[in-house]
Amino acid sequence: MKNNVKVAEIIEMQIRIGKGFGSLKSNPNLSLSNQLYVQQVRDNLWEECLKDLEELLLVITSGKVEMTDDERLERLDKIYASMNSKSAFVQHFASEVTTLIRQREQDKQTIEKLRRSYGIQD
């Protein structure tokens, strides 16, 4: 069970999920409320990931829970699907937040160009 490819893939997905939020932390182009929202999403997702990892540990550690091999494989498949879903969500969420950040950067540049054009000082 420990050598099952899905176990390694689940752990890799967990790492990608953690990294997916890394670039979104404390971005100056996000308002405080946006930053807090991103943090809340990250924290909630992290809790769910930890539940999956705890279950994974139970599944791969023989003797912890009485299960047949088929039951272990079935639970491993469910954990894999759950983590895969979370990983896809993070990719989409990070993409949306990155798009918002880029839009705000462009807005700031446009405002700055207009200020210079009209000679307006901060």
PDB file of N, CA and C in Angstrom:
ATOM      1  N   MET A   1       0.832  -1.202   0.000  1.00  0.00           N
ATOM      2  CA  MET A   1       0.000   0.000   0.000  1.00  0.00           C
ATOM      3  C   MET A   1       0.869   1.257   0.000  1.00  0.00           C
ATOM      4  N   LYS A   2       1.917   1.260   0.813  1.00  0.00           N
ATOM      5  CA  LYS A   2       2.794   2.436   0.902  1.00  0.00           C
ATOM      6  C   LYS A   2       3.471   2.738  -0.430  1.00  0.00           C
ATOM      7  N   ASN A   3       3.675   1.700  -1.229  1.00  0.00           N
ATOM      8  CA  ASN A   3       4.352   1.872  -2.509  1.00  0.00           C
ATOM      9  C   ASN A   3       3.389   2.203  -3.644  1.00  0.00           C
ATOM     10  N   ASN A   4       2.123   2.356  -3.345  1.00  0.00           N
ATOM     11  CA  ASN A   4       1.130   2.693  -4.352  1.00  0.00           C
ATOM     12  C   ASN A   4       1.442   4.089  -4.905  1.00  0.00           C
ATOM     13  N   VAL A   5       1.411   4.240  -6.200  1.00  0.00           N
ATOM     14  CA  VAL A   5       1.722   5.503  -6.865  1.00  0.00           C
ATOM     15  C   VAL A   5       0.803   6.629  -6.388  1.00  0.00           C
ATOM     16  N   LYS A   6      -0.434   6.300  -6.092  1.00  0.00           N
ATOM     17  CA  LYS A   6      -1.390   7.329  -5.668  1.00  0.00           C
ATOM     18  C   LYS A   6      -0.976   7.981  -4.351  1.00  0.00           C
ATOM     19  N   VAL A   7      -0.301   7.240  -3.489  1.00  0.00           N
ATOM     20  CA  VAL A   7       0.151   7.809  -2.217  1.00  0.00           C
ATOM     21  C   VAL A   7       1.130   8.950  -2.497  1.00  0.00           C
ATOM     22  N   ALA A   8       2.095   8.708  -3.354  1.00  0.00           N
ATOM     23  CA  ALA A   8       3.072   9.749  -3.708  1.00  0.00           C
ATOM     24  C   ALA A   8       2.386  10.917  -4.406  1.00  0.00           C
ATOM     25  N   GLU A   9       1.434  10.623  -5.281  1.00  0.00           N
ATOM     26  CA  GLU A   9       0.725  11.690  -5.994  1.00  0.00           C
ATOM     27  C   GLU A   9      -0.109  12.548  -5.043  1.00  0.00           C
ATOM     28  N   ILE A  10      -0.710  11.923  -4.029  1.00  0.00           N
ATOM     29  CA  ILE A  10      -1.493  12.673  -3.041  1.00  0.00           C
ATOM     30  C   ILE A  10      -0.578  13.649  -2.304  1.00  0.00           C
ATOM     31  N   ILE A  11       0.594  13.182  -1.931  1.00  0.00           N
ATOM     32  CA  ILE A  11       1.545  14.044  -1.221  1.00  0.00           C
ATOM     33  C   ILE A  11       2.027  15.171  -2.135  1.00  0.00           C
ATOM     34  N   GLU A  12       2.279  14.868  -3.394  1.00  0.00           N
ATOM     35  CA  GLU A  12       2.683  15.897  -4.355  1.00  0.00           C
ATOM     36  C   GLU A  12       1.582  16.948  -4.538  1.00  0.00           C
ATOM     37  N   MET A  13       0.328  16.497  -4.581  1.00  0.00           N
ATOM     38  CA  MET A  13      -0.785  17.441  -4.710  1.00  0.00           C
ATOM     39  C   MET A  13      -0.844  18.357  -3.496  1.00  0.00           C
ATOM     40  N   GLN A  14      -0.606  17.799  -2.321  1.00  0.00           N
ATOM     41  CA  GLN A  14      -0.612  18.601  -1.098  1.00  0.00           C
ATOM     42  C   GLN A  14       0.448  19.698  -1.183  1.00  0.00           C
ATOM     43  N   ILE A  15       1.609  19.363  -1.670  1.00  0.00           N
ATOM     44  CA  ILE A  15       2.687  20.341  -1.813  1.00  0.00           C
ATOM     45  C   ILE A  15       2.294  21.424  -2.817  1.00  0.00           C
ATOM     46  N   ARG A  16       1.704  21.013  -3.953  1.00  0.00           N
ATOM     47  CA  ARG A  16       1.262  21.992  -4.961  1.00  0.00           C
ATOM     48  C   ARG A  16       0.190  22.916  -4.399  1.00  0.00           C
ATOM     49  N   ILE A  17      -0.691  22.379  -3.582  1.00  0.00           N
ATOM     50  CA  ILE A  17      -1.740  23.197  -2.976  1.00  0.00           C
ATOM     51  C   ILE A  17      -1.106  24.266  -2.091  1.00  0.00           C
ATOM     52  N   GLY A  18      -0.145  23.869  -1.296  1.00  0.00           N
ATOM     53  CA  GLY A  18       0.547  24.840  -0.440  1.00  0.00           C
ATOM     54  C   GLY A  18       1.253  25.911  -1.237  1.00  0.00           C
ATOM     55  N   LYS A  19       1.922  25.508  -2.309  1.00  0.00           N
ATOM     56  CA  LYS A  19       2.633  26.469  -3.154  1.00  0.00           C
ATOM     57  C   LYS A  19       1.677  27.360  -3.935  1.00  0.00           C
ATOM     58  N   GLY A  20       0.498  26.860  -4.234  1.00  0.00           N
ATOM     59  CA  GLY A  20      -0.475  27.621  -5.012  1.00  0.00           C
ATOM     60  C   GLY A  20      -0.897  28.916  -4.343  1.00  0.00           C
ATOM     61  N   PHE A  21      -0.843  28.939  -3.036  1.00  0.00           N
ATOM     62  CA  PHE A  21      -1.221  30.141  -2.301  1.00  0.00           C
ATOM     63  C   PHE A  21      -0.020  31.049  -2.021  1.00  0.00           C
ATOM     64  N   GLY A  22       1.175  30.536  -2.216  1.00  0.00           N
ATOM     65  CA  GLY A  22       2.381  31.286  -1.878  1.00  0.00           C
ATOM     66  C   GLY A  22       2.488  32.639  -2.549  1.00  0.00           C
ATOM     67  N   SER A  23       2.192  32.696  -3.820  1.00  0.00           N
ATOM     68  CA  SER A  23       2.337  33.953  -4.557  1.00  0.00           C
ATOM     69  C   SER A  23       1.212  34.935  -4.274  1.00  0.00           C
ATOM     70  N   LEU A  24       0.177  34.481  -3.597  1.00  0.00           N
ATOM     71  CA  LEU A  24      -0.973  35.346  -3.349  1.00  0.00           C
ATOM     72  C   LEU A  24      -0.876  36.070  -2.005  1.00  0.00           C
ATOM     73  N   LYS A  25       0.037  35.630  -1.173  1.00  0.00           N
ATOM     74  CA  LYS A  25       0.153  36.207   0.166  1.00  0.00           C
ATOM     75  C   LYS A  25       0.595  37.665   0.106  1.00  0.00           C
ATOM     76  N   SER A  26      -0.090  38.482   0.845  1.00  0.00           N
ATOM     77  CA  SER A  26       0.300  39.877   1.082  1.00  0.00           C
ATOM     78  C   SER A  26       0.648  40.636  -0.193  1.00  0.00           C
ATOM     79  N   ASN A  27      -0.059  40.412  -1.252  1.00  0.00           N
ATOM     80  CA  ASN A  27       0.182  41.164  -2.479  1.00  0.00           C
ATOM     81  C   ASN A  27      -0.362  42.578  -2.293  1.00  0.00           C
ATOM     82  N   PRO A  28       0.452  43.601  -2.539  1.00  0.00           N
ATOM     83  CA  PRO A  28       0.014  44.977  -2.311  1.00  0.00           C
ATOM     84  C   PRO A  28      -1.132  45.422  -3.224  1.00  0.00           C
ATOM     85  N   ASN A  29      -1.380  44.685  -4.275  1.00  0.00           N
ATOM     86  CA  ASN A  29      -2.473  45.037  -5.181  1.00  0.00           C
ATOM     87  C   ASN A  29      -3.806  44.433  -4.750  1.00  0.00           C
ATOM     88  N   LEU A  30      -3.789  43.718  -3.635  1.00  0.00           N
ATOM     89  CA  LEU A  30      -5.031  43.194  -3.078  1.00  0.00           C
ATOM     90  C   LEU A  30      -5.394  44.023  -1.850  1.00  0.00           C
ATOM     91  N   SER A  31      -6.647  44.345  -1.733  1.00  0.00           N
ATOM     92  CA  SER A  31      -7.097  45.073  -0.557  1.00  0.00           C
ATOM     93  C   SER A  31      -6.964  44.164   0.667  1.00  0.00           C
ATOM     94  N   LEU A  32      -7.021  44.758   1.831  1.00  0.00           N
ATOM     95  CA  LEU A  32      -6.927  43.967   3.058  1.00  0.00           C
ATOM     96  C   LEU A  32      -8.037  42.924   3.110  1.00  0.00           C
ATOM     97  N   SER A  33      -9.246  43.304   2.721  1.00  0.00           N
ATOM     98  CA  SER A  33     -10.353  42.344   2.751  1.00  0.00           C
ATOM     99  C   SER A  33     -10.107  41.199   1.762  1.00  0.00           C
ATOM    100  N   ASN A  34      -9.518  41.501   0.593  1.00  0.00           N
ATOM    101  CA  ASN A  34      -9.179  40.440  -0.364  1.00  0.00           C
ATOM    102  C   ASN A  34      -8.100  39.516   0.205  1.00  0.00           C
ATOM    103  N   GLN A  35      -7.106  40.111   0.852  1.00  0.00           N
ATOM    104  CA  GLN A  35      -6.044  39.308   1.453  1.00  0.00           C
ATOM    105  C   GLN A  35      -6.601  38.394   2.546  1.00  0.00           C
ATOM    106  N   LEU A  36      -7.501  38.941   3.353  1.00  0.00           N
ATOM    107  CA  LEU A  36      -8.108  38.137   4.414  1.00  0.00           C
ATOM    108  C   LEU A  36      -8.954  37.008   3.832  1.00  0.00           C
ATOM    109  N   TYR A  37      -9.646  37.295   2.729  1.00  0.00           N
ATOM    110  CA  TYR A  37     -10.453  36.270   2.071  1.00  0.00           C
ATOM    111  C   TYR A  37      -9.563  35.143   1.540  1.00  0.00           C
ATOM    112  N   VAL A  38      -8.471  35.510   0.874  1.00  0.00           N
ATOM    113  CA  VAL A  38      -7.542  34.508   0.354  1.00  0.00           C
ATOM    114  C   VAL A  38      -7.002  33.667   1.505  1.00  0.00           C
ATOM    115  N   GLN A  39      -6.664  34.319   2.616  1.00  0.00           N
ATOM    116  CA  GLN A  39      -6.152  33.598   3.785  1.00  0.00           C
ATOM    117  C   GLN A  39      -7.202  32.641   4.348  1.00  0.00           C
ATOM    118  N   GLN A  40      -8.446  33.087   4.385  1.00  0.00           N
ATOM    119  CA  GLN A  40      -9.520  32.245   4.899  1.00  0.00           C
ATOM    120  C   GLN A  40      -9.735  31.020   4.003  1.00  0.00           C
ATOM    121  N   VAL A  41      -9.720  31.240   2.702  1.00  0.00           N
ATOM    122  CA  VAL A  41      -9.862  30.121   1.758  1.00  0.00           C
ATOM    123  C   VAL A  41      -8.710  29.142   1.952  1.00  0.00           C
ATOM    124  N   ARG A  42      -7.494  29.685   2.057  1.00  0.00           N
ATOM    125  CA  ARG A  42      -6.304  28.855   2.264  1.00  0.00           C
ATOM    126  C   ARG A  42      -6.427  28.039   3.555  1.00  0.00           C
ATOM    127  N   ASP A  43      -6.805  28.693   4.648  1.00  0.00           N
ATOM    128  CA  ASP A  43      -6.918  28.001   5.936  1.00  0.00           C
ATOM    129  C   ASP A  43      -7.966  26.891   5.889  1.00  0.00           C
ATOM    130  N   ASN A  44      -9.120  27.189   5.298  1.00  0.00           N
ATOM    131  CA  ASN A  44     -10.182  26.178   5.208  1.00  0.00           C
ATOM    132  C   ASN A  44      -9.748  24.992   4.351  1.00  0.00           C
ATOM    133  N   LEU A  45      -9.111  25.295   3.239  1.00  0.00           N
ATOM    134  CA  LEU A  45      -8.643  24.226   2.358  1.00  0.00           C
ATOM    135  C   LEU A  45      -7.560  23.402   3.042  1.00  0.00           C
ATOM    136  N   TRP A  46      -6.690  24.077   3.765  1.00  0.00           N
ATOM    137  CA  TRP A  46      -5.611  23.381   4.465  1.00  0.00           C
ATOM    138  C   TRP A  46      -6.172  22.409   5.497  1.00  0.00           C
ATOM    139  N   GLU A  47      -7.206  22.823   6.213  1.00  0.00           N
ATOM    140  CA  GLU A  47      -7.853  21.934   7.186  1.00  0.00           C
ATOM    141  C   GLU A  47      -8.403  20.682   6.510  1.00  0.00           C
ATOM    142  N   GLU A  48      -9.048  20.883   5.355  1.00  0.00           N
ATOM    143  CA  GLU A  48      -9.590  19.749   4.618  1.00  0.00           C
ATOM    144  C   GLU A  48      -8.472  18.828   4.117  1.00  0.00           C
ATOM    145  N   CYS A  49      -7.374  19.409   3.689  1.00  0.00           N
ATOM    146  CA  CYS A  49      -6.234  18.612   3.234  1.00  0.00           C
ATOM    147  C   CYS A  49      -5.660  17.788   4.388  1.00  0.00           C
ATOM    148  N   LEU A  50      -5.576  18.399   5.556  1.00  0.00           N
ATOM    149  CA  LEU A  50      -5.048  17.674   6.714  1.00  0.00           C
ATOM    150  C   LEU A  50      -5.925  16.477   7.068  1.00  0.00           C
ATOM    151  N   LYS A  51      -7.237  16.637   6.921  1.00  0.00           N
ATOM    152  CA  LYS A  51      -8.143  15.511   7.165  1.00  0.00           C
ATOM    153  C   LYS A  51      -7.847  14.375   6.180  1.00  0.00           C
ATOM    154  N   ASP A  52      -7.646  14.757   4.914  1.00  0.00           N
ATOM    155  CA  ASP A  52      -7.319  13.737   3.903  1.00  0.00           C
ATOM    156  C   ASP A  52      -6.000  13.048   4.233  1.00  0.00           C
ATOM    157  N   LEU A  53      -5.008  13.824   4.658  1.00  0.00           N
ATOM    158  CA  LEU A  53      -3.702  13.242   4.972  1.00  0.00           C
ATOM    159  C   LEU A  53      -3.771  12.345   6.211  1.00  0.00           C
ATOM    160  N   GLU A  54      -4.594  12.716   7.187  1.00  0.00           N
ATOM    161  CA  GLU A  54      -4.773  11.860   8.361  1.00  0.00           C
ATOM    162  C   GLU A  54      -5.408  10.527   7.957  1.00  0.00           C
ATOM    163  N   GLU A  55      -6.406  10.618   7.077  1.00  0.00           N
ATOM    164  CA  GLU A  55      -7.042   9.388   6.607  1.00  0.00           C
ATOM    165  C   GLU A  55      -6.058   8.556   5.794  1.00  0.00           C
ATOM    166  N   LEU A  56      -5.239   9.220   4.993  1.00  0.00           N
ATOM    167  CA  LEU A  56      -4.221   8.512   4.212  1.00  0.00           C
ATOM    168  C   LEU A  56      -3.282   7.749   5.139  1.00  0.00           C
ATOM    169  N   LEU A  57      -2.884   8.403   6.208  1.00  0.00           N
ATOM    170  CA  LEU A  57      -1.995   7.748   7.159  1.00  0.00           C
ATOM    171  C   LEU A  57      -2.648   6.497   7.756  1.00  0.00           C
ATOM    172  N   LEU A  58      -3.930   6.600   8.084  1.00  0.00           N
ATOM    173  CA  LEU A  58      -4.645   5.429   8.611  1.00  0.00           C
ATOM    174  C   LEU A  58      -4.714   4.301   7.583  1.00  0.00           C
ATOM    175  N   VAL A  59      -4.923   4.678   6.331  1.00  0.00           N
ATOM    176  CA  VAL A  59      -5.072   3.680   5.266  1.00  0.00           C
ATOM    177  C   VAL A  59      -3.752   2.965   4.984  1.00  0.00           C
ATOM    178  N   ILE A  60      -2.653   3.698   4.976  1.00  0.00           N
ATOM    179  CA  ILE A  60      -1.376   3.069   4.596  1.00  0.00           C
ATOM    180  C   ILE A  60      -0.644   2.431   5.769  1.00  0.00           C
ATOM    181  N   THR A  61      -1.066   2.745   6.985  1.00  0.00           N
ATOM    182  CA  THR A  61      -0.410   2.157   8.160  1.00  0.00           C
ATOM    183  C   THR A  61      -1.160   0.890   8.553  1.00  0.00           C
ATOM    184  N   SER A  62      -0.558  -0.228   8.261  1.00  0.00           N
ATOM    185  CA  SER A  62      -1.223  -1.492   8.570  1.00  0.00           C
ATOM    186  C   SER A  62      -1.324  -1.654  10.086  1.00  0.00           C
ATOM    187  N   GLY A  63      -2.448  -2.195  10.515  1.00  0.00           N
ATOM    188  CA  GLY A  63      -2.672  -2.414  11.924  1.00  0.00           C
ATOM    189  C   GLY A  63      -3.408  -1.281  12.616  1.00  0.00           C
ATOM    190  N   LYS A  64      -3.451  -0.104  12.011  1.00  0.00           N
ATOM    191  CA  LYS A  64      -4.153   1.036  12.620  1.00  0.00           C
ATOM    192  C   LYS A  64      -5.665   0.860  12.530  1.00  0.00           C
ATOM    193  N   VAL A  65      -6.135   0.420  11.366  1.00  0.00           N
ATOM    194  CA  VAL A  65      -7.560   0.234  11.135  1.00  0.00           C
ATOM    195  C   VAL A  65      -7.746  -1.116  10.444  1.00  0.00           C
ATOM    196  N   GLU A  66      -8.716  -1.874  10.911  1.00  0.00           N
ATOM    197  CA  GLU A  66      -8.994  -3.179  10.304  1.00  0.00           C
ATOM    198  C   GLU A  66      -9.728  -2.968   8.983  1.00  0.00           C
ATOM    199  N   MET A  67      -9.039  -3.268   7.884  1.00  0.00           N
ATOM    200  CA  MET A  67      -9.626  -3.142   6.552  1.00  0.00           C
ATOM    201  C   MET A  67      -9.048  -4.224   5.660  1.00  0.00           C
ATOM    202  N   THR A  68      -9.853  -4.632   4.710  1.00  0.00           N
ATOM    203  CA  THR A  68      -9.335  -5.533   3.689  1.00  0.00           C
ATOM    204  C   THR A  68      -8.523  -4.701   2.708  1.00  0.00           C
ATOM    205  N   ASP A  69      -7.753  -5.366   1.884  1.00  0.00           N
ATOM    206  CA  ASP A  69      -6.966  -4.645   0.871  1.00  0.00           C
ATOM    207  C   ASP A  69      -7.876  -3.875  -0.075  1.00  0.00           C
ATOM    208  N   ASP A  70      -9.007  -4.493  -0.439  1.00  0.00           N
ATOM    209  CA  ASP A  70      -9.953  -3.808  -1.328  1.00  0.00           C
ATOM    210  C   ASP A  70     -10.512  -2.548  -0.677  1.00  0.00           C
ATOM    211  N   GLU A  71     -10.814  -2.633   0.622  1.00  0.00           N
ATOM    212  CA  GLU A  71     -11.329  -1.453   1.339  1.00  0.00           C
ATOM    213  C   GLU A  71     -10.261  -0.356   1.404  1.00  0.00           C
ATOM    214  N   ARG A  72      -9.026  -0.759   1.628  1.00  0.00           N
ATOM    215  CA  ARG A  72      -7.925   0.219   1.657  1.00  0.00           C
ATOM    216  C   ARG A  72      -7.782   0.908   0.298  1.00  0.00           C
ATOM    217  N   LEU A  73      -7.833   0.122  -0.766  1.00  0.00           N
ATOM    218  CA  LEU A  73      -7.712   0.696  -2.112  1.00  0.00           C
ATOM    219  C   LEU A  73      -8.878   1.633  -2.414  1.00  0.00           C
ATOM    220  N   GLU A  74     -10.063   1.253  -1.978  1.00  0.00           N
ATOM    221  CA  GLU A  74     -11.240   2.092  -2.204  1.00  0.00           C
ATOM    222  C   GLU A  74     -11.094   3.427  -1.460  1.00  0.00           C
ATOM    223  N   ARG A  75     -10.657   3.367  -0.214  1.00  0.00           N
ATOM    224  CA  ARG A  75     -10.462   4.603   0.556  1.00  0.00           C
ATOM    225  C   ARG A  75      -9.329   5.440  -0.034  1.00  0.00           C
ATOM    226  N   LEU A  76      -8.292   4.785  -0.518  1.00  0.00           N
ATOM    227  CA  LEU A  76      -7.189   5.500  -1.163  1.00  0.00           C
ATOM    228  C   LEU A  76      -7.691   6.233  -2.403  1.00  0.00           C
ATOM    229  N   ASP A  77      -8.548   5.576  -3.175  1.00  0.00           N
ATOM    230  CA  ASP A  77      -9.135   6.213  -4.362  1.00  0.00           C
ATOM    231  C   ASP A  77      -9.954   7.444  -3.980  1.00  0.00           C
ATOM    232  N   LYS A  78     -10.716   7.346  -2.882  1.00  0.00           N
ATOM    233  CA  LYS A  78     -11.522   8.490  -2.429  1.00  0.00           C
ATOM    234  C   LYS A  78     -10.635   9.647  -1.972  1.00  0.00           C
ATOM    235  N   ILE A  79      -9.569   9.330  -1.256  1.00  0.00           N
ATOM    236  CA  ILE A  79      -8.637  10.372  -0.803  1.00  0.00           C
ATOM    237  C   ILE A  79      -7.984  11.032  -2.011  1.00  0.00           C
ATOM    238  N   TYR A  80      -7.590  10.213  -2.967  1.00  0.00           N
ATOM    239  CA  TYR A  80      -6.960  10.729  -4.193  1.00  0.00           C
ATOM    240  C   TYR A  80      -7.907  11.674  -4.923  1.00  0.00           C
ATOM    241  N   ALA A  81      -9.149  11.260  -5.079  1.00  0.00           N
ATOM    242  CA  ALA A  81     -10.136  12.092  -5.779  1.00  0.00           C
ATOM    243  C   ALA A  81     -10.375  13.395  -5.017  1.00  0.00           C
ATOM    244  N   SER A  82     -10.451  13.318  -3.720  1.00  0.00           N
ATOM    245  CA  SER A  82     -10.669  14.498  -2.896  1.00  0.00           C
ATOM    246  C   SER A  82      -9.499  15.480  -3.029  1.00  0.00           C
ATOM    247  N   MET A  83      -8.287  14.969  -2.939  1.00  0.00           N
ATOM    248  CA  MET A  83      -7.104  15.829  -3.041  1.00  0.00           C
ATOM    249  C   MET A  83      -6.964  16.381  -4.457  1.00  0.00           C
ATOM    250  N   ASN A  84      -7.308  15.587  -5.448  1.00  0.00           N
ATOM    251  CA  ASN A  84      -7.248  16.040  -6.836  1.00  0.00           C
ATOM    252  C   ASN A  84      -8.226  17.197  -7.057  1.00  0.00           C
ATOM    253  N   SER A  85      -9.397  17.087  -6.478  1.00  0.00           N
ATOM    254  CA  SER A  85     -10.405  18.148  -6.573  1.00  0.00           C
ATOM    255  C   SER A  85      -9.894  19.428  -5.910  1.00  0.00           C
ATOM    256  N   LYS A  86      -9.283  19.296  -4.753  1.00  0.00           N
ATOM    257  CA  LYS A  86      -8.731  20.465  -4.052  1.00  0.00           C
ATOM    258  C   LYS A  86      -7.615  21.111  -4.859  1.00  0.00           C
ATOM    259  N   SER A  87      -6.780  20.286  -5.453  1.00  0.00           N
ATOM    260  CA  SER A  87      -5.673  20.793  -6.260  1.00  0.00           C
ATOM    261  C   SER A  87      -6.195  21.580  -7.464  1.00  0.00           C
ATOM    262  N   ALA A  88      -7.204  21.049  -8.117  1.00  0.00           N
ATOM    263  CA  ALA A  88      -7.804  21.752  -9.265  1.00  0.00           C
ATOM    264  C   ALA A  88      -8.438  23.068  -8.817  1.00  0.00           C
ATOM    265  N   PHE A  89      -9.103  23.046  -7.663  1.00  0.00           N
ATOM    266  CA  PHE A  89      -9.703  24.272  -7.131  1.00  0.00           C
ATOM    267  C   PHE A  89      -8.632  25.340  -6.899  1.00  0.00           C
ATOM    268  N   VAL A  90      -7.522  24.951  -6.287  1.00  0.00           N
ATOM    269  CA  VAL A  90      -6.458  25.917  -5.990  1.00  0.00           C
ATOM    270  C   VAL A  90      -5.903  26.514  -7.279  1.00  0.00           C
ATOM    271  N   GLN A  91      -5.706  25.693  -8.290  1.00  0.00           N
ATOM    272  CA  GLN A  91      -5.202  26.209  -9.564  1.00  0.00           C
ATOM    273  C   GLN A  91      -6.161  27.244 -10.137  1.00  0.00           C
ATOM    274  N   HIS A  92      -7.443  26.959 -10.091  1.00  0.00           N
ATOM    275  CA  HIS A  92      -8.440  27.886 -10.620  1.00  0.00           C
ATOM    276  C   HIS A  92      -8.512  29.151  -9.758  1.00  0.00           C
ATOM    277  N   PHE A  93      -8.562  28.981  -8.454  1.00  0.00           N
ATOM    278  CA  PHE A  93      -8.655  30.107  -7.531  1.00  0.00           C
ATOM    279  C   PHE A  93      -7.437  31.024  -7.679  1.00  0.00           C
ATOM    280  N   ALA A  94      -6.253  30.435  -7.701  1.00  0.00           N
ATOM    281  CA  ALA A  94      -5.020  31.228  -7.837  1.00  0.00           C
ATOM    282  C   ALA A  94      -5.007  31.967  -9.167  1.00  0.00           C
ATOM    283  N   SER A  95      -5.486  31.339 -10.213  1.00  0.00           N
ATOM    284  CA  SER A  95      -5.555  31.979 -11.527  1.00  0.00           C
ATOM    285  C   SER A  95      -6.493  33.190 -11.487  1.00  0.00           C
ATOM    286  N   GLU A  96      -7.639  33.034 -10.841  1.00  0.00           N
ATOM    287  CA  GLU A  96      -8.594  34.136 -10.741  1.00  0.00           C
ATOM    288  C   GLU A  96      -8.027  35.293  -9.920  1.00  0.00           C
ATOM    289  N   VAL A  97      -7.374  34.987  -8.813  1.00  0.00           N
ATOM    290  CA  VAL A  97      -6.795  36.034  -7.976  1.00  0.00           C
ATOM    291  C   VAL A  97      -5.646  36.715  -8.720  1.00  0.00           C
ATOM    292  N   THR A  98      -4.845  35.956  -9.437  1.00  0.00           N
ATOM    293  CA  THR A  98      -3.747  36.534 -10.222  1.00  0.00           C
ATOM    294  C   THR A  98      -4.291  37.463 -11.298  1.00  0.00           C
ATOM    295  N   THR A  99      -5.396  37.098 -11.920  1.00  0.00           N
ATOM    296  CA  THR A  99      -6.031  37.969 -12.912  1.00  0.00           C
ATOM    297  C   THR A  99      -6.487  39.268 -12.254  1.00  0.00           C
ATOM    298  N   LEU A 100      -7.070  39.189 -11.076  1.00  0.00           N
ATOM    299  CA  LEU A 100      -7.488  40.376 -10.338  1.00  0.00           C
ATOM    300  C   LEU A 100      -6.284  41.264 -10.013  1.00  0.00           C
ATOM    301  N   ILE A 101      -5.196  40.661  -9.579  1.00  0.00           N
ATOM    302  CA  ILE A 101      -3.982  41.413  -9.270  1.00  0.00           C
ATOM    303  C   ILE A 101      -3.468  42.139 -10.511  1.00  0.00           C
ATOM    304  N   ARG A 102      -3.421  41.453 -11.632  1.00  0.00           N
ATOM    305  CA  ARG A 102      -2.948  42.075 -12.885  1.00  0.00           C
ATOM    306  C   ARG A 102      -3.848  43.239 -13.307  1.00  0.00           C
ATOM    307  N   GLN A 103      -5.155  43.058 -13.159  1.00  0.00           N
ATOM    308  CA  GLN A 103      -6.089  44.135 -13.507  1.00  0.00           C
ATOM    309  C   GLN A 103      -5.841  45.358 -12.631  1.00  0.00           C
ATOM    310  N   ARG A 104      -5.616  45.124 -11.361  1.00  0.00           N
ATOM    311  CA  ARG A 104      -5.358  46.251 -10.450  1.00  0.00           C
ATOM    312  C   ARG A 104      -4.031  46.923 -10.769  1.00  0.00           C
ATOM    313  N   GLU A 105      -3.030  46.139 -11.149  1.00  0.00           N
ATOM    314  CA  GLU A 105      -1.747  46.722 -11.552  1.00  0.00           C
ATOM    315  C   GLU A 105      -1.933  47.603 -12.785  1.00  0.00           C
ATOM    316  N   GLN A 106      -2.691  47.117 -13.762  1.00  0.00           N
ATOM    317  CA  GLN A 106      -2.958  47.893 -14.972  1.00  0.00           C
ATOM    318  C   GLN A 106      -3.745  49.159 -14.652  1.00  0.00           C
ATOM    319  N   ASP A 107      -4.715  49.051 -13.756  1.00  0.00           N
ATOM    320  CA  ASP A 107      -5.493  50.220 -13.346  1.00  0.00           C
ATOM    321  C   ASP A 107      -4.590  51.273 -12.715  1.00  0.00           C
ATOM    322  N   LYS A 108      -3.676  50.848 -11.858  1.00  0.00           N
ATOM    323  CA  LYS A 108      -2.746  51.784 -11.216  1.00  0.00           C
ATOM    324  C   LYS A 108      -1.867  52.469 -12.263  1.00  0.00           C
ATOM    325  N   GLN A 109      -1.391  51.702 -13.238  1.00  0.00           N
ATOM    326  CA  GLN A 109      -0.547  52.274 -14.292  1.00  0.00           C
ATOM    327  C   GLN A 109      -1.334  53.286 -15.124  1.00  0.00           C
ATOM    328  N   THR A 110      -2.572  52.955 -15.440  1.00  0.00           N
ATOM    329  CA  THR A 110      -3.411  53.866 -16.219  1.00  0.00           C
ATOM    330  C   THR A 110      -3.666  55.149 -15.453  1.00  0.00           C
ATOM    331  N   ILE A 111      -3.968  55.039 -14.190  1.00  0.00           N
ATOM    332  CA  ILE A 111      -4.211  56.229 -13.362  1.00  0.00           C
ATOM    333  C   ILE A 111      -2.941  57.076 -13.281  1.00  0.00           C
ATOM    334  N   GLU A 112      -1.815  56.436 -13.118  1.00  0.00           N
ATOM    335  CA  GLU A 112      -0.543  57.166 -13.035  1.00  0.00           C
ATOM    336  C   GLU A 112      -0.245  57.891 -14.351  1.00  0.00           C
ATOM    337  N   LYS A 113      -0.502  57.265 -15.489  1.00  0.00           N
ATOM    338  CA  LYS A 113      -0.293  57.904 -16.797  1.00  0.00           C
ATOM    339  C   LYS A 113      -1.210  59.114 -16.945  1.00  0.00           C
ATOM    340  N   LEU A 114      -2.462  58.957 -16.523  1.00  0.00           N
ATOM    341  CA  LEU A 114      -3.401  60.081 -16.614  1.00  0.00           C
ATOM    342  C   LEU A 114      -2.972  61.222 -15.709  1.00  0.00           C
ATOM    343  N   ARG A 115      -2.496  60.913 -14.534  1.00  0.00           N
ATOM    344  CA  ARG A 115      -2.013  61.961 -13.627  1.00  0.00           C
ATOM    345  C   ARG A 115      -0.849  62.721 -14.245  1.00  0.00           C
ATOM    346  N   ARG A 116       0.077  61.976 -14.820  1.00  0.00           N
ATOM    347  CA  ARG A 116       1.233  62.635 -15.466  1.00  0.00           C
ATOM    348  C   ARG A 116       0.777  63.486 -16.643  1.00  0.00           C
ATOM    349  N   SER A 117      -0.160  62.956 -17.428  1.00  0.00           N
ATOM    350  CA  SER A 117      -0.652  63.680 -18.602  1.00  0.00           C
ATOM    351  C   SER A 117      -1.288  65.024 -18.208  1.00  0.00           C
ATOM    352  N   TYR A 118      -1.983  65.030 -17.064  1.00  0.00           N
ATOM    353  CA  TYR A 118      -2.660  66.250 -16.636  1.00  0.00           C
ATOM    354  C   TYR A 118      -1.874  67.016 -15.576  1.00  0.00           C
ATOM    355  N   GLY A 119      -0.641  66.550 -15.305  1.00  0.00           N
ATOM    356  CA  GLY A 119       0.206  67.258 -14.351  1.00  0.00           C
ATOM    357  C   GLY A 119      -0.297  67.214 -12.918  1.00  0.00           C
ATOM    358  N   ILE A 120      -0.995  66.167 -12.581  1.00  0.00           N
ATOM    359  CA  ILE A 120      -1.521  66.029 -11.210  1.00  0.00           C
ATOM    360  C   ILE A 120      -0.503  65.323 -10.352  1.00  0.00           C
ATOM    361  N   GLN A 121      -0.185  65.939  -9.213  1.00  0.00           N
ATOM    362  CA  GLN A 121       0.756  65.357  -8.238  1.00  0.00           C
ATOM    363  C   GLN A 121      -0.020  64.656  -7.148  1.00  0.00           C
ATOM    364  N   ASP A 122       0.592  63.656  -6.530  1.00  0.00           N
ATOM    365  CA  ASP A 122      -0.049  62.988  -5.388  1.00  0.00           C
ATOM    366  C   ASP A 122      -0.044  63.881  -4.176  1.00  0.00           C
TER     367      ASP A 122
END
